[in-house]
Amino acid sequence: MEIIQNQFRSSWDDNEETKPDAIDLQMLKEIEEDPECHEKIP
């Protein structure tokens, strides 16, 4: 992650933070409720 942040620092800084929309919230809810999303794969 550090390489990406250093390599593309200016483009990261230009991105505006936005609030999640209905689709984002739905995906987050599904991730929280799906037990398979919390399993670690070796």
Protein backbone atom coordinates (compact mmCIF):
# COMPACT_ATOMS: atom_id res chain seq x y z
CA MET A 1 0.00 0.00 0.00
CA GLU A 2 2.86 2.35 0.81
CA ILE A 3 4.26 1.98 -2.70
CA ILE A 4 0.90 2.87 -4.20
CA GLN A 5 0.48 5.87 -1.91
CA ASN A 6 3.98 7.15 -2.69
CA GLN A 7 3.75 6.47 -6.42
CA PHE A 8 0.34 8.07 -6.88
CA ARG A 9 0.34 10.60 -4.04
CA SER A 10 -0.97 13.52 -6.09
CA SER A 11 -3.88 11.57 -7.56
CA TRP A 12 -4.85 10.28 -4.08
CA ASP A 13 -4.80 13.82 -2.68
CA ASP A 14 -7.06 15.07 -5.48
CA ASN A 15 -9.81 12.56 -4.70
CA GLU A 16 -12.73 14.01 -2.82
CA GLU A 17 -14.20 11.90 -0.04
CA THR A 18 -17.89 11.19 -0.53
CA LYS A 19 -20.59 9.64 1.60
CA PRO A 20 -21.63 6.08 0.72
CA ASP A 21 -24.76 5.78 -1.38
CA ALA A 22 -27.52 3.17 -1.04
CA ILE A 23 -25.61 0.58 -3.10
CA ASP A 24 -22.47 1.03 -0.98
CA LEU A 25 -24.47 0.62 2.22
CA GLN A 26 -26.21 -2.48 0.86
CA MET A 27 -22.87 -4.08 -0.05
CA LEU A 28 -21.43 -3.31 3.39
CA LYS A 29 -24.50 -4.83 5.07
CA GLU A 30 -24.20 -7.99 2.95
CA ILE A 31 -20.51 -8.29 3.81
CA GLU A 32 -21.22 -7.93 7.53
CA GLU A 33 -23.99 -10.55 7.42
CA ASP A 34 -22.22 -13.12 5.23
CA PRO A 35 -20.08 -15.43 7.38
CA GLU A 36 -17.98 -16.43 4.34
CA CYS A 37 -16.72 -12.85 4.13
CA HIS A 38 -15.10 -13.25 7.53
CA GLU A 39 -13.23 -16.48 6.81
CA LYS A 40 -9.51 -16.41 6.14
CA ILE A 41 -8.31 -18.45 3.21
CA PRO A 42 -4.91 -20.09 3.73
